[in-house]
C-alpha atoms as a PDB file:
ATOM      1  CA  MET A   1     156.228  -2.763 105.963  1.00  0.00           C
ATOM      2  CA  ALA A   2     152.930  -4.063 107.456  1.00  0.00           C
ATOM      3  CA  LYS A   3     150.730  -1.888 105.254  1.00  0.00           C
ATOM      4  CA  LEU A   4     152.570  -3.097 102.193  1.00  0.00           C
ATOM      5  CA  ASP A   5     152.072  -6.755 103.245  1.00  0.00           C
ATOM      6  CA  THR A   6     148.228  -6.062 103.801  1.00  0.00           C
ATOM      7  CA  LEU A   7     148.186  -4.204 100.330  1.00  0.00           C
ATOM      8  CA  VAL A   8     149.749  -7.374  98.718  1.00  0.00           C
ATOM      9  CA  SER A   9     147.505  -9.676 100.408  1.00  0.00           C
ATOM     10  CA  ASP A  10     144.387  -7.591  99.582  1.00  0.00           C
ATOM     11  CA  PHE A  11     145.658  -7.337  95.970  1.00  0.00           C
ATOM     12  CA  LYS A  12     146.164 -11.184  95.753  1.00  0.00           C
ATOM     13  CA  LYS A  13     142.653 -11.794  97.305  1.00  0.00           C
ATOM     14  CA  GLY A  14     141.076  -9.473  94.727  1.00  0.00           C
ATOM     15  CA  ALA A  15     142.823 -10.982  91.814  1.00  0.00           C
ATOM     16  CA  GLU A  16     141.730 -14.535  93.140  1.00  0.00           C
ATOM     17  CA  ALA A  17     138.145 -13.407  93.445  1.00  0.00           C
ATOM     18  CA  VAL A  18     138.415 -12.047  89.717  1.00  0.00           C
ATOM     19  CA  LYS A  19     139.738 -15.275  88.573  1.00  0.00           C
ATOM     20  CA  ALA A  20     136.980 -17.174  90.305  1.00  0.00           C
ATOM     21  CA  PHE A  21     134.385 -14.779  88.471  1.00  0.00           C
ATOM     22  CA  LEU A  22     135.738 -15.272  85.255  1.00  0.00           C
ATOM     23  CA  GLN A  23     135.964 -19.015  85.651  1.00  0.00           C
ATOM     24  CA  LYS A  24     132.276 -19.119  86.665  1.00  0.00           C
ATOM     25  CA  ALA A  25     131.313 -16.817  83.808  1.00  0.00           C
ATOM     26  CA  ALA A  26     133.061 -19.057  81.217  1.00  0.00           C
ATOM     27  CA  GLY A  27     131.349 -22.023  82.474  1.00  0.00           C
ATOM     28  CA  GLU A  28     127.969 -20.361  82.242  1.00  0.00           C
ATOM     29  CA  ALA A  29     128.749 -18.518  78.891  1.00  0.00           C
ATOM     30  CA  PRO A  30     126.648 -21.270  76.542  1.00  0.00           C
ATOM     31  CA  THR A  31     123.618 -20.796  78.805  1.00  0.00           C
ATOM     32  CA  ILE A  32     123.932 -16.915  78.847  1.00  0.00           C
ATOM     33  CA  VAL A  33     124.459 -16.977  75.059  1.00  0.00           C
ATOM     34  CA  ALA A  34     121.295 -19.274  74.478  1.00  0.00           C
ATOM     35  CA  ASP A  35     119.187 -16.923  76.704  1.00  0.00           C
ATOM     36  CA  VAL A  36     120.424 -13.670  74.832  1.00  0.00           C
ATOM     37  CA  VAL A  37     119.682 -15.260  71.493  1.00  0.00           C
ATOM     38  CA  LYS A  38     116.376 -16.292  72.545  1.00  0.00           C
ATOM     39  CA  ASP A  39     115.458 -12.846  73.934  1.00  0.00           C
ATOM     40  CA  GLU A  40     116.903 -11.151  70.803  1.00  0.00           C
ATOM     41  CA  GLN A  41     114.506 -12.926  68.706  1.00  0.00           C
ATOM     42  CA  ALA A  42     111.478 -11.804  70.873  1.00  0.00           C
ATOM     43  CA  ILE A  43     112.527  -8.206  71.214  1.00  0.00           C
ATOM     44  CA  ALA A  44     113.802  -7.701  67.570  1.00  0.00           C
ATOM     45  CA  PRO A  45     110.265  -6.484  66.303  1.00  0.00           C
ATOM     46  CA  VAL A  46     109.965  -3.925  69.206  1.00  0.00           C
ATOM     47  CA  ILE A  47     113.528  -2.584  68.438  1.00  0.00           C
ATOM     48  CA  GLU A  48     112.518  -2.606  64.739  1.00  0.00           C
ATOM     49  CA  ALA A  49     109.542  -0.407  65.632  1.00  0.00           C
ATOM     50  CA  PHE A  50     111.543   2.127  67.523  1.00  0.00           C
ATOM     51  CA  VAL A  51     114.741   2.039  65.378  1.00  0.00           C
ATOM     52  CA  PRO A  52     113.924   1.193  61.684  1.00  0.00           C
ATOM     53  CA  GLY A  53     116.837  -0.911  60.004  1.00  0.00           C
ATOM     54  CA  SER A  54     117.997  -2.370  63.201  1.00  0.00           C
ATOM     55  CA  THR A  55     116.820  -5.944  62.127  1.00  0.00           C
ATOM     56  CA  VAL A  56     119.211  -5.691  59.166  1.00  0.00           C
ATOM     57  CA  ALA A  57     122.003  -4.285  61.143  1.00  0.00           C
ATOM     58  CA  ILE A  58     121.651  -6.966  63.758  1.00  0.00           C
ATOM     59  CA  GLY A  59     121.588  -9.598  60.902  1.00  0.00           C
ATOM     60  CA  VAL A  60     124.773  -8.106  59.230  1.00  0.00           C
ATOM     61  CA  ALA A  61     126.694  -7.958  62.682  1.00  0.00           C
ATOM     62  CA  ASN A  62     125.750 -11.742  63.285  1.00  0.00           C
ATOM     63  CA  SER A  63     126.949 -12.465  59.674  1.00  0.00           C
ATOM     64  CA  LEU A  64     130.185 -10.492  60.110  1.00  0.00           C
ATOM     65  CA  LEU A  65     130.873 -12.302  63.597  1.00  0.00           C
ATOM     66  CA  ASP A  66     130.143 -15.681  61.928  1.00  0.00           C
ATOM     67  CA  VAL A  67     132.688 -14.873  59.145  1.00  0.00           C
ATOM     68  CA  VAL A  68     135.334 -13.467  61.605  1.00  0.00           C
ATOM     69  CA  ALA A  69     134.909 -16.349  63.939  1.00  0.00           C
ATOM     70  CA  GLN A  70     135.158 -18.999  61.245  1.00  0.00           C
ATOM     71  CA  ALA A  71     138.342 -17.230  60.023  1.00  0.00           C
ATOM     72  CA  VAL A  72     139.851 -16.941  63.372  1.00  0.00           C
ATOM     73  CA  GLU A  73     138.969 -20.957  63.914  1.00  0.00           C
ATOM     74  CA  ASP A  74     140.445 -21.705  60.379  1.00  0.00           C
ATOM     75  CA  ALA A  75     143.635 -19.832  61.098  1.00  0.00           C
ATOM     76  CA  GLY A  76     144.248 -21.309  64.609  1.00  0.00           C
ATOM     77  CA  THR A  77     147.166 -19.730  66.455  1.00  0.00           C
ATOM     78  CA  ALA A  78     148.500 -18.147  63.471  1.00  0.00           C
ATOM     79  CA  ALA A  79     145.618 -15.835  63.500  1.00  0.00           C
ATOM     80  CA  GLY A  80     147.037 -14.171  66.971  1.00  0.00           C
ATOM     81  CA  ALA A  81     150.591 -14.435  65.619  1.00  0.00           C
ATOM     82  CA  ASN A  82     150.239 -12.955  62.199  1.00  0.00           C
ATOM     83  CA  GLY A  83     147.082 -11.014  62.155  1.00  0.00           C
ATOM     84  CA  LEU A  84     144.027 -11.949  60.029  1.00  0.00           C
ATOM     85  CA  THR A  85     142.380 -11.373  56.641  1.00  0.00           C
ATOM     86  CA  VAL A  86     138.877 -11.978  56.073  1.00  0.00           C
ATOM     87  CA  SER A  87     136.858 -12.117  52.962  1.00  0.00           C
ATOM     88  CA  LEU A  88     133.411 -10.791  52.691  1.00  0.00           C
ATOM     89  CA  ASP A  89     130.838 -12.005  49.999  1.00  0.00           C
ATOM     90  CA  GLN A  90     129.120  -9.499  47.703  1.00  0.00           C
ATOM     91  CA  LYS A  91     126.023  -9.624  49.636  1.00  0.00           C
ATOM     92  CA  LEU A  92     127.481  -8.869  52.959  1.00  0.00           C
ATOM     93  CA  VAL A  93     129.503  -5.976  51.424  1.00  0.00           C
ATOM     94  CA  ALA A  94     126.251  -4.693  49.913  1.00  0.00           C
ATOM     95  CA  ASP A  95     124.354  -4.971  53.088  1.00  0.00           C
ATOM     96  CA  ILE A  96     127.105  -3.237  55.069  1.00  0.00           C
ATOM     97  CA  LYS A  97     127.107  -0.224  52.470  1.00  0.00           C
ATOM     98  CA  ALA A  98     123.384  -0.007  52.703  1.00  0.00           C
ATOM     99  CA  ILE A  99     123.644   0.317  56.592  1.00  0.00           C
ATOM    100  CA  ILE A 100     126.508   2.825  55.975  1.00  0.00           C
ATOM    101  CA  SER A 101     124.276   4.866  54.014  1.00  0.00           C
ATOM    102  CA  ALA A 102     121.228   4.581  56.141  1.00  0.00           C
ATOM    103  CA  ALA A 103     123.223   5.810  59.172  1.00  0.00           C
ATOM    104  CA  LYS A 104     124.638   9.006  57.205  1.00  0.00           C
ATOM    105  CA  ALA A 105     121.162   9.807  56.103  1.00  0.00           C
ATOM    106  CA  ALA A 106     119.945   9.536  59.625  1.00  0.00           C
ATOM    107  CA  LYS A 107     122.793  11.704  60.862  1.00  0.00           C
ATOM    108  CA  SER A 108     122.159  14.448  58.343  1.00  0.00           C
ATOM    109  CA  ALA A 109     118.521  14.370  59.185  1.00  0.00           C
ATOM    110  CA  LEU A 110     119.371  15.265  62.820  1.00  0.00           C
END
């Protein structure tokens, strides 16, 4: 029984450590995101040199995230309960199709 008590105690300590880490990370998230955005702008040209088209893909990913985030915020709690439908404008759809075509072409060239 002592081993079970120790196991439960250790598990509880571990869970408390994870909770403390997540709370700390959540508090630091705005600063971390700002640093990542700043760094992304600095390294984007380097990535583009090695992976042509990556700048477009990053831009599309950011646009998709913006559209989905706005839809989630607009829907509020209903988004989690009922699912979510997101509308994409013609430009974003065209950009996504271009990335898909480029990815298929790159794959077939391998």
